[in-house]
Amino acid sequence: MRKLLIVLLLVTGAADAGDFELCINGVNLQGRPCAGFGSGTGGMRNQQIVAVGYDAMEIIQHSERMASGIDGAGRSHFVGSYRGNRLTKLRGKTFSCQASLDARQFRCVSWLPD
């Protein structure tokens, strides 16, 4: 308990120095919203999701396809809304995905809401 108190005192003192701000769930140690966090839902901001490898393949295979194509370098591109059952927290999110020319590398990035 004593070590925890010392750590908290050190962190609190450091948080007041300069432009450093320690935030947990969008709130600083004084209980105010952190700088840079919007005033949206609970001071939290949306984060972009990046999936690679098997997770990206799951998204590509189980998305409702909106658009697809191949670029000049031969990479396949897909845009769609994930509808699968394995990644339940991502269901309904829209992703832009790409697969390498040799279909060994996969990457998907979620869209951010306006």
PDB file of N, CA and C in Angstrom:
ATOM      1  N   MET A   1       0.825  -1.189   0.000  1.00  0.00           N
ATOM      2  CA  MET A   1       0.000   0.000   0.000  1.00  0.00           C
ATOM      3  C   MET A   1       0.867   1.249   0.000  1.00  0.00           C
ATOM      4  N   ARG A   2       1.941   1.219   0.766  1.00  0.00           N
ATOM      5  CA  ARG A   2       2.817   2.380   0.877  1.00  0.00           C
ATOM      6  C   ARG A   2       3.498   2.679  -0.461  1.00  0.00           C
ATOM      7  N   LYS A   3       3.920   1.596  -1.181  1.00  0.00           N
ATOM      8  CA  LYS A   3       4.559   1.772  -2.485  1.00  0.00           C
ATOM      9  C   LYS A   3       3.577   2.357  -3.492  1.00  0.00           C
ATOM     10  N   LEU A   4       2.331   1.913  -3.434  1.00  0.00           N
ATOM     11  CA  LEU A   4       1.312   2.428  -4.334  1.00  0.00           C
ATOM     12  C   LEU A   4       1.088   3.910  -4.104  1.00  0.00           C
ATOM     13  N   LEU A   5       1.045   4.338  -2.863  1.00  0.00           N
ATOM     14  CA  LEU A   5       0.860   5.744  -2.532  1.00  0.00           C
ATOM     15  C   LEU A   5       2.021   6.579  -3.057  1.00  0.00           C
ATOM     16  N   ILE A   6       3.230   6.081  -2.919  1.00  0.00           N
ATOM     17  CA  ILE A   6       4.403   6.809  -3.413  1.00  0.00           C
ATOM     18  C   ILE A   6       4.346   6.937  -4.929  1.00  0.00           C
ATOM     19  N   VAL A   7       3.978   5.861  -5.616  1.00  0.00           N
ATOM     20  CA  VAL A   7       3.868   5.903  -7.077  1.00  0.00           C
ATOM     21  C   VAL A   7       2.809   6.906  -7.497  1.00  0.00           C
ATOM     22  N   LEU A   8       1.662   6.901  -6.843  1.00  0.00           N
ATOM     23  CA  LEU A   8       0.602   7.846  -7.183  1.00  0.00           C
ATOM     24  C   LEU A   8       1.044   9.285  -6.951  1.00  0.00           C
ATOM     25  N   LEU A   9       1.758   9.537  -5.875  1.00  0.00           N
ATOM     26  CA  LEU A   9       2.256  10.890  -5.622  1.00  0.00           C
ATOM     27  C   LEU A   9       3.256  11.316  -6.683  1.00  0.00           C
ATOM     28  N   LEU A  10       4.131  10.414  -7.091  1.00  0.00           N
ATOM     29  CA  LEU A  10       5.098  10.732  -8.138  1.00  0.00           C
ATOM     30  C   LEU A  10       4.406  11.011  -9.463  1.00  0.00           C
ATOM     31  N   VAL A  11       3.434  10.174  -9.820  1.00  0.00           N
ATOM     32  CA  VAL A  11       2.706  10.361 -11.072  1.00  0.00           C
ATOM     33  C   VAL A  11       1.918  11.660 -11.035  1.00  0.00           C
ATOM     34  N   THR A  12       1.272  11.959  -9.927  1.00  0.00           N
ATOM     35  CA  THR A  12       0.506  13.199  -9.804  1.00  0.00           C
ATOM     36  C   THR A  12       1.422  14.404  -9.944  1.00  0.00           C
ATOM     37  N   GLY A  13       2.594  14.364  -9.328  1.00  0.00           N
ATOM     38  CA  GLY A  13       3.544  15.467  -9.452  1.00  0.00           C
ATOM     39  C   GLY A  13       4.052  15.608 -10.868  1.00  0.00           C
ATOM     40  N   ALA A  14       4.312  14.494 -11.544  1.00  0.00           N
ATOM     41  CA  ALA A  14       4.804  14.546 -12.922  1.00  0.00           C
ATOM     42  C   ALA A  14       3.724  15.033 -13.873  1.00  0.00           C
ATOM     43  N   ALA A  15       2.465  14.744 -13.564  1.00  0.00           N
ATOM     44  CA  ALA A  15       1.378  15.156 -14.446  1.00  0.00           C
ATOM     45  C   ALA A  15       1.218  16.668 -14.469  1.00  0.00           C
ATOM     46  N   ASP A  16       1.653  17.352 -13.425  1.00  0.00           N
ATOM     47  CA  ASP A  16       1.555  18.806 -13.396  1.00  0.00           C
ATOM     48  C   ASP A  16       2.744  19.481 -14.065  1.00  0.00           C
ATOM     49  N   ALA A  17       3.760  18.733 -14.444  1.00  0.00           N
ATOM     50  CA  ALA A  17       4.973  19.312 -15.029  1.00  0.00           C
ATOM     51  C   ALA A  17       4.834  19.424 -16.539  1.00  0.00           C
ATOM     52  N   GLY A  18       4.999  20.621 -17.087  1.00  0.00           N
ATOM     53  CA  GLY A  18       4.989  20.824 -18.533  1.00  0.00           C
ATOM     54  C   GLY A  18       3.653  20.504 -19.165  1.00  0.00           C
ATOM     55  N   ASP A  19       3.711  19.932 -20.375  1.00  0.00           N
ATOM     56  CA  ASP A  19       2.507  19.604 -21.135  1.00  0.00           C
ATOM     57  C   ASP A  19       2.104  18.144 -20.985  1.00  0.00           C
ATOM     58  N   PHE A  20       2.712  17.434 -20.061  1.00  0.00           N
ATOM     59  CA  PHE A  20       2.419  16.022 -19.860  1.00  0.00           C
ATOM     60  C   PHE A  20       1.070  15.866 -19.177  1.00  0.00           C
ATOM     61  N   GLU A  21       0.257  14.951 -19.691  1.00  0.00           N
ATOM     62  CA  GLU A  21      -1.047  14.697 -19.082  1.00  0.00           C
ATOM     63  C   GLU A  21      -1.296  13.199 -19.075  1.00  0.00           C
ATOM     64  N   LEU A  22      -1.515  12.626 -17.915  1.00  0.00           N
ATOM     65  CA  LEU A  22      -1.813  11.209 -17.786  1.00  0.00           C
ATOM     66  C   LEU A  22      -3.322  11.036 -17.843  1.00  0.00           C
ATOM     67  N   CYS A  23      -3.782  10.210 -18.782  1.00  0.00           N
ATOM     68  CA  CYS A  23      -5.223  10.022 -18.969  1.00  0.00           C
ATOM     69  C   CYS A  23      -5.590   8.552 -18.850  1.00  0.00           C
ATOM     70  N   ILE A  24      -6.710   8.294 -18.211  1.00  0.00           N
ATOM     71  CA  ILE A  24      -7.274   6.958 -18.125  1.00  0.00           C
ATOM     72  C   ILE A  24      -8.722   7.071 -18.555  1.00  0.00           C
ATOM     73  N   ASN A  25      -9.064   6.378 -19.650  1.00  0.00           N
ATOM     74  CA  ASN A  25     -10.417   6.422 -20.211  1.00  0.00           C
ATOM     75  C   ASN A  25     -10.876   7.847 -20.499  1.00  0.00           C
ATOM     76  N   GLY A  26      -9.976   8.676 -21.007  1.00  0.00           N
ATOM     77  CA  GLY A  26     -10.340  10.028 -21.414  1.00  0.00           C
ATOM     78  C   GLY A  26     -10.433  11.042 -20.301  1.00  0.00           C
ATOM     79  N   VAL A  27     -10.033  10.670 -19.068  1.00  0.00           N
ATOM     80  CA  VAL A  27     -10.124  11.577 -17.925  1.00  0.00           C
ATOM     81  C   VAL A  27      -8.745  11.677 -17.285  1.00  0.00           C
ATOM     82  N   ASN A  28      -8.304  12.919 -16.954  1.00  0.00           N
ATOM     83  CA  ASN A  28      -6.997  13.079 -16.314  1.00  0.00           C
ATOM     84  C   ASN A  28      -7.109  12.841 -14.812  1.00  0.00           C
ATOM     85  N   LEU A  29      -5.995  12.968 -14.099  1.00  0.00           N
ATOM     86  CA  LEU A  29      -5.984  12.668 -12.664  1.00  0.00           C
ATOM     87  C   LEU A  29      -6.802  13.652 -11.839  1.00  0.00           C
ATOM     88  N   GLN A  30      -7.096  14.826 -12.398  1.00  0.00           N
ATOM     89  CA  GLN A  30      -7.930  15.796 -11.693  1.00  0.00           C
ATOM     90  C   GLN A  30      -9.420  15.580 -11.981  1.00  0.00           C
ATOM     91  N   GLY A  31      -9.744  14.569 -12.809  1.00  0.00           N
ATOM     92  CA  GLY A  31     -11.139  14.267 -13.107  1.00  0.00           C
ATOM     93  C   GLY A  31     -11.708  15.056 -14.271  1.00  0.00           C
ATOM     94  N   ARG A  32     -10.880  15.830 -14.947  1.00  0.00           N
ATOM     95  CA  ARG A  32     -11.337  16.609 -16.100  1.00  0.00           C
ATOM     96  C   ARG A  32     -11.056  15.845 -17.389  1.00  0.00           C
ATOM     97  N   PRO A  33     -11.839  16.109 -18.463  1.00  0.00           N
ATOM     98  CA  PRO A  33     -11.563  15.455 -19.749  1.00  0.00           C
ATOM     99  C   PRO A  33     -10.162  15.814 -20.232  1.00  0.00           C
ATOM    100  N   CYS A  34      -9.501  14.851 -20.823  1.00  0.00           N
ATOM    101  CA  CYS A  34      -8.139  15.070 -21.316  1.00  0.00           C
ATOM    102  C   CYS A  34      -8.147  15.966 -22.546  1.00  0.00           C
ATOM    103  N   ALA A  35      -7.097  16.735 -22.700  1.00  0.00           N
ATOM    104  CA  ALA A  35      -6.938  17.569 -23.890  1.00  0.00           C
ATOM    105  C   ALA A  35      -6.847  16.648 -25.097  1.00  0.00           C
ATOM    106  N   GLY A  36      -7.511  17.027 -26.180  1.00  0.00           N
ATOM    107  CA  GLY A  36      -7.469  16.218 -27.384  1.00  0.00           C
ATOM    108  C   GLY A  36      -8.585  15.202 -27.477  1.00  0.00           C
ATOM    109  N   PHE A  37      -9.344  15.016 -26.419  1.00  0.00           N
ATOM    110  CA  PHE A  37     -10.477  14.104 -26.469  1.00  0.00           C
ATOM    111  C   PHE A  37     -11.721  14.920 -26.753  1.00  0.00           C
ATOM    112  N   GLY A  38     -12.512  14.443 -27.704  1.00  0.00           N
ATOM    113  CA  GLY A  38     -13.723  15.159 -28.070  1.00  0.00           C
ATOM    114  C   GLY A  38     -14.759  15.117 -26.972  1.00  0.00           C
ATOM    115  N   SER A  39     -15.778  15.924 -27.126  1.00  0.00           N
ATOM    116  CA  SER A  39     -16.844  15.953 -26.127  1.00  0.00           C
ATOM    117  C   SER A  39     -17.955  14.985 -26.497  1.00  0.00           C
ATOM    118  N   GLY A  40     -17.636  13.983 -27.335  1.00  0.00           N
ATOM    119  CA  GLY A  40     -18.626  13.001 -27.758  1.00  0.00           C
ATOM    120  C   GLY A  40     -19.045  12.110 -26.611  1.00  0.00           C
ATOM    121  N   THR A  41     -19.251  10.849 -26.893  1.00  0.00           N
ATOM    122  CA  THR A  41     -19.768   9.928 -25.889  1.00  0.00           C
ATOM    123  C   THR A  41     -18.767   9.709 -24.777  1.00  0.00           C
ATOM    124  N   GLY A  42     -18.966  10.337 -23.662  1.00  0.00           N
ATOM    125  CA  GLY A  42     -18.143  10.119 -22.488  1.00  0.00           C
ATOM    126  C   GLY A  42     -16.710  10.565 -22.635  1.00  0.00           C
ATOM    127  N   GLY A  43     -16.438  11.479 -23.572  1.00  0.00           N
ATOM    128  CA  GLY A  43     -15.078  11.955 -23.757  1.00  0.00           C
ATOM    129  C   GLY A  43     -14.180  10.951 -24.462  1.00  0.00           C
ATOM    130  N   MET A  44     -14.738   9.874 -24.977  1.00  0.00           N
ATOM    131  CA  MET A  44     -13.936   8.873 -25.675  1.00  0.00           C
ATOM    132  C   MET A  44     -13.917   9.204 -27.157  1.00  0.00           C
ATOM    133  N   ARG A  45     -12.806   8.893 -27.821  1.00  0.00           N
ATOM    134  CA  ARG A  45     -12.784   9.109 -29.264  1.00  0.00           C
ATOM    135  C   ARG A  45     -12.719   7.766 -29.969  1.00  0.00           C
ATOM    136  N   ASN A  46     -13.242   7.760 -31.180  1.00  0.00           N
ATOM    137  CA  ASN A  46     -13.241   6.541 -31.963  1.00  0.00           C
ATOM    138  C   ASN A  46     -11.825   6.226 -32.410  1.00  0.00           C
ATOM    139  N   GLN A  47     -11.498   4.952 -32.436  1.00  0.00           N
ATOM    140  CA  GLN A  47     -10.184   4.531 -32.873  1.00  0.00           C
ATOM    141  C   GLN A  47     -10.315   3.642 -34.089  1.00  0.00           C
ATOM    142  N   GLN A  48      -9.370   3.802 -35.008  1.00  0.00           N
ATOM    143  CA  GLN A  48      -9.347   2.974 -36.192  1.00  0.00           C
ATOM    144  C   GLN A  48      -8.814   1.590 -35.828  1.00  0.00           C
ATOM    145  N   ILE A  49      -9.426   0.573 -36.392  1.00  0.00           N
ATOM    146  CA  ILE A  49      -9.032  -0.802 -36.133  1.00  0.00           C
ATOM    147  C   ILE A  49      -8.200  -1.284 -37.310  1.00  0.00           C
ATOM    148  N   VAL A  50      -7.052  -1.872 -37.036  1.00  0.00           N
ATOM    149  CA  VAL A  50      -6.197  -2.430 -38.078  1.00  0.00           C
ATOM    150  C   VAL A  50      -6.073  -3.926 -37.820  1.00  0.00           C
ATOM    151  N   ALA A  51      -6.441  -4.718 -38.822  1.00  0.00           N
ATOM    152  CA  ALA A  51      -6.344  -6.176 -38.717  1.00  0.00           C
ATOM    153  C   ALA A  51      -5.376  -6.675 -39.784  1.00  0.00           C
ATOM    154  N   VAL A  52      -4.554  -7.644 -39.417  1.00  0.00           N
ATOM    155  CA  VAL A  52      -3.619  -8.240 -40.374  1.00  0.00           C
ATOM    156  C   VAL A  52      -3.713  -9.761 -40.270  1.00  0.00           C
ATOM    157  N   GLY A  53      -3.168 -10.442 -41.252  1.00  0.00           N
ATOM    158  CA  GLY A  53      -3.109 -11.901 -41.225  1.00  0.00           C
ATOM    159  C   GLY A  53      -4.478 -12.558 -41.222  1.00  0.00           C
ATOM    160  N   TYR A  54      -4.641 -13.546 -40.323  1.00  0.00           N
ATOM    161  CA  TYR A  54      -5.883 -14.325 -40.281  1.00  0.00           C
ATOM    162  C   TYR A  54      -7.099 -13.468 -39.932  1.00  0.00           C
ATOM    163  N   ASP A  55      -6.936 -12.473 -39.077  1.00  0.00           N
ATOM    164  CA  ASP A  55      -8.063 -11.596 -38.742  1.00  0.00           C
ATOM    165  C   ASP A  55      -8.508 -10.810 -39.970  1.00  0.00           C
ATOM    166  N   ALA A  56      -7.558 -10.335 -40.761  1.00  0.00           N
ATOM    167  CA  ALA A  56      -7.906  -9.612 -41.988  1.00  0.00           C
ATOM    168  C   ALA A  56      -8.584 -10.547 -42.989  1.00  0.00           C
ATOM    169  N   MET A  57      -8.093 -11.786 -43.090  1.00  0.00           N
ATOM    170  CA  MET A  57      -8.742 -12.760 -43.977  1.00  0.00           C
ATOM    171  C   MET A  57     -10.175 -13.016 -43.540  1.00  0.00           C
ATOM    172  N   GLU A  58     -10.393 -13.119 -42.238  1.00  0.00           N
ATOM    173  CA  GLU A  58     -11.750 -13.312 -41.704  1.00  0.00           C
ATOM    174  C   GLU A  58     -12.654 -12.161 -42.139  1.00  0.00           C
ATOM    175  N   ILE A  59     -12.152 -10.940 -42.037  1.00  0.00           N
ATOM    176  CA  ILE A  59     -12.943  -9.766 -42.413  1.00  0.00           C
ATOM    177  C   ILE A  59     -13.230  -9.772 -43.909  1.00  0.00           C
ATOM    178  N   ILE A  60     -12.230 -10.082 -44.729  1.00  0.00           N
ATOM    179  CA  ILE A  60     -12.420 -10.111 -46.186  1.00  0.00           C
ATOM    180  C   ILE A  60     -13.446 -11.173 -46.572  1.00  0.00           C
ATOM    181  N   GLN A  61     -13.331 -12.360 -46.003  1.00  0.00           N
ATOM    182  CA  GLN A  61     -14.212 -13.469 -46.375  1.00  0.00           C
ATOM    183  C   GLN A  61     -15.641 -13.299 -45.885  1.00  0.00           C
ATOM    184  N   HIS A  62     -15.838 -12.588 -44.786  1.00  0.00           N
ATOM    185  CA  HIS A  62     -17.173 -12.491 -44.196  1.00  0.00           C
ATOM    186  C   HIS A  62     -17.694 -11.059 -44.179  1.00  0.00           C
ATOM    187  N   SER A  63     -17.430 -10.334 -45.252  1.00  0.00           N
ATOM    188  CA  SER A  63     -17.936  -8.968 -45.369  1.00  0.00           C
ATOM    189  C   SER A  63     -18.946  -8.876 -46.494  1.00  0.00           C
ATOM    190  N   GLU A  64     -19.892  -7.988 -46.293  1.00  0.00           N
ATOM    191  CA  GLU A  64     -20.838  -7.675 -47.357  1.00  0.00           C
ATOM    192  C   GLU A  64     -20.122  -6.702 -48.293  1.00  0.00           C
ATOM    193  N   ARG A  65     -19.743  -7.188 -49.463  1.00  0.00           N
ATOM    194  CA  ARG A  65     -18.880  -6.457 -50.382  1.00  0.00           C
ATOM    195  C   ARG A  65     -19.582  -5.234 -50.961  1.00  0.00           C
ATOM    196  N   MET A  66     -18.939  -4.078 -50.830  1.00  0.00           N
ATOM    197  CA  MET A  66     -19.436  -2.838 -51.425  1.00  0.00           C
ATOM    198  C   MET A  66     -18.686  -2.523 -52.713  1.00  0.00           C
ATOM    199  N   ALA A  67     -17.376  -2.803 -52.702  1.00  0.00           N
ATOM    200  CA  ALA A  67     -16.545  -2.550 -53.880  1.00  0.00           C
ATOM    201  C   ALA A  67     -15.321  -3.446 -53.809  1.00  0.00           C
ATOM    202  N   SER A  68     -14.762  -3.745 -54.975  1.00  0.00           N
ATOM    203  CA  SER A  68     -13.517  -4.509 -55.022  1.00  0.00           C
ATOM    204  C   SER A  68     -12.791  -4.171 -56.311  1.00  0.00           C
ATOM    205  N   GLY A  69     -11.496  -4.419 -56.325  1.00  0.00           N
ATOM    206  CA  GLY A  69     -10.714  -4.138 -57.514  1.00  0.00           C
ATOM    207  C   GLY A  69      -9.269  -4.542 -57.319  1.00  0.00           C
ATOM    208  N   ILE A  70      -8.484  -4.345 -58.385  1.00  0.00           N
ATOM    209  CA  ILE A  70      -7.059  -4.662 -58.367  1.00  0.00           C
ATOM    210  C   ILE A  70      -6.310  -3.422 -58.815  1.00  0.00           C
ATOM    211  N   ASP A  71      -5.274  -3.033 -58.053  1.00  0.00           N
ATOM    212  CA  ASP A  71      -4.505  -1.838 -58.420  1.00  0.00           C
ATOM    213  C   ASP A  71      -3.401  -2.199 -59.418  1.00  0.00           C
ATOM    214  N   GLY A  72      -2.647  -1.186 -59.845  1.00  0.00           N
ATOM    215  CA  GLY A  72      -1.604  -1.369 -60.843  1.00  0.00           C
ATOM    216  C   GLY A  72      -0.492  -2.310 -60.414  1.00  0.00           C
ATOM    217  N   ALA A  73      -0.277  -2.463 -59.120  1.00  0.00           N
ATOM    218  CA  ALA A  73       0.767  -3.352 -58.606  1.00  0.00           C
ATOM    219  C   ALA A  73       0.261  -4.786 -58.431  1.00  0.00           C
ATOM    220  N   GLY A  74      -1.021  -5.020 -58.701  1.00  0.00           N
ATOM    221  CA  GLY A  74      -1.578  -6.360 -58.592  1.00  0.00           C
ATOM    222  C   GLY A  74      -2.195  -6.696 -57.250  1.00  0.00           C
ATOM    223  N   ARG A  75      -2.234  -5.734 -56.327  1.00  0.00           N
ATOM    224  CA  ARG A  75      -2.861  -5.974 -55.022  1.00  0.00           C
ATOM    225  C   ARG A  75      -4.383  -5.918 -55.171  1.00  0.00           C
ATOM    226  N   SER A  76      -5.064  -6.835 -54.499  1.00  0.00           N
ATOM    227  CA  SER A  76      -6.527  -6.842 -54.501  1.00  0.00           C
ATOM    228  C   SER A  76      -7.024  -5.941 -53.383  1.00  0.00           C
ATOM    229  N   HIS A  77      -8.056  -5.172 -53.666  1.00  0.00           N
ATOM    230  CA  HIS A  77      -8.644  -4.260 -52.680  1.00  0.00           C
ATOM    231  C   HIS A  77     -10.122  -4.590 -52.515  1.00  0.00           C
ATOM    232  N   PHE A  78     -10.579  -4.515 -51.275  1.00  0.00           N
ATOM    233  CA  PHE A  78     -11.971  -4.811 -50.955  1.00  0.00           C
ATOM    234  C   PHE A  78     -12.481  -3.777 -49.961  1.00  0.00           C
ATOM    235  N   VAL A  79     -13.730  -3.377 -50.136  1.00  0.00           N
ATOM    236  CA  VAL A  79     -14.405  -2.520 -49.159  1.00  0.00           C
ATOM    237  C   VAL A  79     -15.706  -3.215 -48.811  1.00  0.00           C
ATOM    238  N   GLY A  80     -15.959  -3.359 -47.512  1.00  0.00           N
ATOM    239  CA  GLY A  80     -17.187  -4.017 -47.112  1.00  0.00           C
ATOM    240  C   GLY A  80     -17.454  -3.900 -45.628  1.00  0.00           C
ATOM    241  N   SER A  81     -18.667  -4.266 -45.274  1.00  0.00           N
ATOM    242  CA  SER A  81     -19.113  -4.235 -43.883  1.00  0.00           C
ATOM    243  C   SER A  81     -19.029  -5.652 -43.320  1.00  0.00           C
ATOM    244  N   TYR A  82     -18.307  -5.817 -42.206  1.00  0.00           N
ATOM    245  CA  TYR A  82     -18.092  -7.148 -41.628  1.00  0.00           C
ATOM    246  C   TYR A  82     -19.397  -7.720 -41.083  1.00  0.00           C
ATOM    247  N   ARG A  83     -19.703  -8.976 -41.475  1.00  0.00           N
ATOM    248  CA  ARG A  83     -20.928  -9.646 -41.047  1.00  0.00           C
ATOM    249  C   ARG A  83     -20.663 -10.993 -40.379  1.00  0.00           C
ATOM    250  N   GLY A  84     -19.408 -11.321 -40.127  1.00  0.00           N
ATOM    251  CA  GLY A  84     -19.056 -12.634 -39.585  1.00  0.00           C
ATOM    252  C   GLY A  84     -19.423 -12.813 -38.124  1.00  0.00           C
ATOM    253  N   ASN A  85     -19.196 -14.033 -37.634  1.00  0.00           N
ATOM    254  CA  ASN A  85     -19.521 -14.385 -36.248  1.00  0.00           C
ATOM    255  C   ASN A  85     -18.299 -14.499 -35.343  1.00  0.00           C
ATOM    256  N   ARG A  86     -17.102 -14.579 -35.913  1.00  0.00           N
ATOM    257  CA  ARG A  86     -15.907 -14.788 -35.086  1.00  0.00           C
ATOM    258  C   ARG A  86     -15.475 -13.520 -34.372  1.00  0.00           C
ATOM    259  N   LEU A  87     -15.528 -12.376 -35.036  1.00  0.00           N
ATOM    260  CA  LEU A  87     -15.108 -11.094 -34.450  1.00  0.00           C
ATOM    261  C   LEU A  87     -16.360 -10.270 -34.148  1.00  0.00           C
ATOM    262  N   THR A  88     -17.104 -10.680 -33.143  1.00  0.00           N
ATOM    263  CA  THR A  88     -18.432 -10.108 -32.894  1.00  0.00           C
ATOM    264  C   THR A  88     -18.404  -8.608 -32.611  1.00  0.00           C
ATOM    265  N   LYS A  89     -17.357  -8.103 -31.971  1.00  0.00           N
ATOM    266  CA  LYS A  89     -17.311  -6.668 -31.665  1.00  0.00           C
ATOM    267  C   LYS A  89     -17.110  -5.817 -32.910  1.00  0.00           C
ATOM    268  N   LEU A  90     -16.709  -6.435 -34.009  1.00  0.00           N
ATOM    269  CA  LEU A  90     -16.475  -5.696 -35.251  1.00  0.00           C
ATOM    270  C   LEU A  90     -17.658  -5.785 -36.208  1.00  0.00           C
ATOM    271  N   ARG A  91     -18.656  -6.567 -35.853  1.00  0.00           N
ATOM    272  CA  ARG A  91     -19.798  -6.761 -36.742  1.00  0.00           C
ATOM    273  C   ARG A  91     -20.457  -5.428 -37.077  1.00  0.00           C
ATOM    274  N   GLY A  92     -20.666  -5.200 -38.379  1.00  0.00           N
ATOM    275  CA  GLY A  92     -21.307  -3.977 -38.850  1.00  0.00           C
ATOM    276  C   GLY A  92     -20.336  -2.857 -39.181  1.00  0.00           C
ATOM    277  N   LYS A  93     -19.075  -2.988 -38.803  1.00  0.00           N
ATOM    278  CA  LYS A  93     -18.083  -1.956 -39.112  1.00  0.00           C
ATOM    279  C   LYS A  93     -17.614  -2.111 -40.554  1.00  0.00           C
ATOM    280  N   THR A  94     -17.334  -0.989 -41.202  1.00  0.00           N
ATOM    281  CA  THR A  94     -16.873  -0.983 -42.584  1.00  0.00           C
ATOM    282  C   THR A  94     -15.352  -0.975 -42.620  1.00  0.00           C
ATOM    283  N   PHE A  95     -14.790  -1.801 -43.492  1.00  0.00           N
ATOM    284  CA  PHE A  95     -13.342  -1.943 -43.615  1.00  0.00           C
ATOM    285  C   PHE A  95     -12.890  -1.759 -45.054  1.00  0.00           C
ATOM    286  N   SER A  96     -11.705  -1.188 -45.215  1.00  0.00           N
ATOM    287  CA  SER A  96     -10.971  -1.194 -46.476  1.00  0.00           C
ATOM    288  C   SER A  96      -9.868  -2.222 -46.305  1.00  0.00           C
ATOM    289  N   CYS A  97      -9.829  -3.202 -47.202  1.00  0.00           N
ATOM    290  CA  CYS A  97      -8.866  -4.295 -47.065  1.00  0.00           C
ATOM    291  C   CYS A  97      -8.042  -4.442 -48.331  1.00  0.00           C
ATOM    292  N   GLN A  98      -6.868  -5.033 -48.169  1.00  0.00           N
ATOM    293  CA  GLN A  98      -6.055  -5.360 -49.333  1.00  0.00           C
ATOM    294  C   GLN A  98      -5.329  -6.674 -49.100  1.00  0.00           C
ATOM    295  N   ALA A  99      -5.089  -7.361 -50.213  1.00  0.00           N
ATOM    296  CA  ALA A  99      -4.334  -8.611 -50.200  1.00  0.00           C
ATOM    297  C   ALA A  99      -3.159  -8.438 -51.144  1.00  0.00           C
ATOM    298  N   SER A 100      -2.000  -8.975 -50.753  1.00  0.00           N
ATOM    299  CA  SER A 100      -0.802  -8.844 -51.580  1.00  0.00           C
ATOM    300  C   SER A 100      -0.954  -9.641 -52.871  1.00  0.00           C
ATOM    301  N   LEU A 101      -0.071  -9.371 -53.805  1.00  0.00           N
ATOM    302  CA  LEU A 101      -0.091 -10.027 -55.106  1.00  0.00           C
ATOM    303  C   LEU A 101      -0.025 -11.551 -54.970  1.00  0.00           C
ATOM    304  N   ASP A 102       0.779 -12.037 -54.035  1.00  0.00           N
ATOM    305  CA  ASP A 102       0.909 -13.481 -53.840  1.00  0.00           C
ATOM    306  C   ASP A 102      -0.108 -14.045 -52.841  1.00  0.00           C
ATOM    307  N   ALA A 103      -1.036 -13.217 -52.385  1.00  0.00           N
ATOM    308  CA  ALA A 103      -2.096 -13.617 -51.443  1.00  0.00           C
ATOM    309  C   ALA A 103      -1.534 -14.237 -50.169  1.00  0.00           C
ATOM    310  N   ARG A 104      -0.419 -13.683 -49.683  1.00  0.00           N
ATOM    311  CA  ARG A 104       0.164 -14.150 -48.422  1.00  0.00           C
ATOM    312  C   ARG A 104       0.062 -13.104 -47.326  1.00  0.00           C
ATOM    313  N   GLN A 105      -0.205 -11.869 -47.694  1.00  0.00           N
ATOM    314  CA  GLN A 105      -0.319 -10.792 -46.715  1.00  0.00           C
ATOM    315  C   GLN A 105      -1.672 -10.116 -46.876  1.00  0.00           C
ATOM    316  N   PHE A 106      -2.347  -9.925 -45.742  1.00  0.00           N
ATOM    317  CA  PHE A 106      -3.674  -9.329 -45.735  1.00  0.00           C
ATOM    318  C   PHE A 106      -3.710  -8.224 -44.692  1.00  0.00           C
ATOM    319  N   ARG A 107      -4.417  -7.140 -45.031  1.00  0.00           N
ATOM    320  CA  ARG A 107      -4.504  -6.004 -44.095  1.00  0.00           C
ATOM    321  C   ARG A 107      -5.852  -5.317 -44.285  1.00  0.00           C
ATOM    322  N   CYS A 108      -6.524  -5.031 -43.186  1.00  0.00           N
ATOM    323  CA  CYS A 108      -7.800  -4.314 -43.215  1.00  0.00           C
ATOM    324  C   CYS A 108      -7.749  -3.158 -42.225  1.00  0.00           C
ATOM    325  N   VAL A 109      -8.342  -2.040 -42.610  1.00  0.00           N
ATOM    326  CA  VAL A 109      -8.402  -0.852 -41.760  1.00  0.00           C
ATOM    327  C   VAL A 109      -9.852  -0.393 -41.707  1.00  0.00           C
ATOM    328  N   SER A 110     -10.360  -0.175 -40.496  1.00  0.00           N
ATOM    329  CA  SER A 110     -11.759   0.247 -40.354  1.00  0.00           C
ATOM    330  C   SER A 110     -11.922   1.710 -40.721  1.00  0.00           C
ATOM    331  N   TRP A 111     -13.117   2.049 -41.113  1.00  0.00           N
ATOM    332  CA  TRP A 111     -13.459   3.439 -41.403  1.00  0.00           C
ATOM    333  C   TRP A 111     -13.848   4.115 -40.102  1.00  0.00           C
ATOM    334  N   LEU A 112     -13.514   5.378 -39.982  1.00  0.00           N
ATOM    335  CA  LEU A 112     -13.921   6.163 -38.814  1.00  0.00           C
ATOM    336  C   LEU A 112     -15.232   6.874 -39.123  1.00  0.00           C
ATOM    337  N   PRO A 113     -16.145   6.937 -38.161  1.00  0.00           N
ATOM    338  CA  PRO A 113     -17.389   7.676 -38.395  1.00  0.00           C
ATOM    339  C   PRO A 113     -17.110   9.169 -38.509  1.00  0.00           C
ATOM    340  N   ASP A 114     -17.996   9.867 -39.196  1.00  0.00           N
ATOM    341  CA  ASP A 114     -17.850  11.332 -39.347  1.00  0.00           C
ATOM    342  C   ASP A 114     -18.021  12.036 -38.042  1.00  0.00           C
TER     343      ASP A 114
END
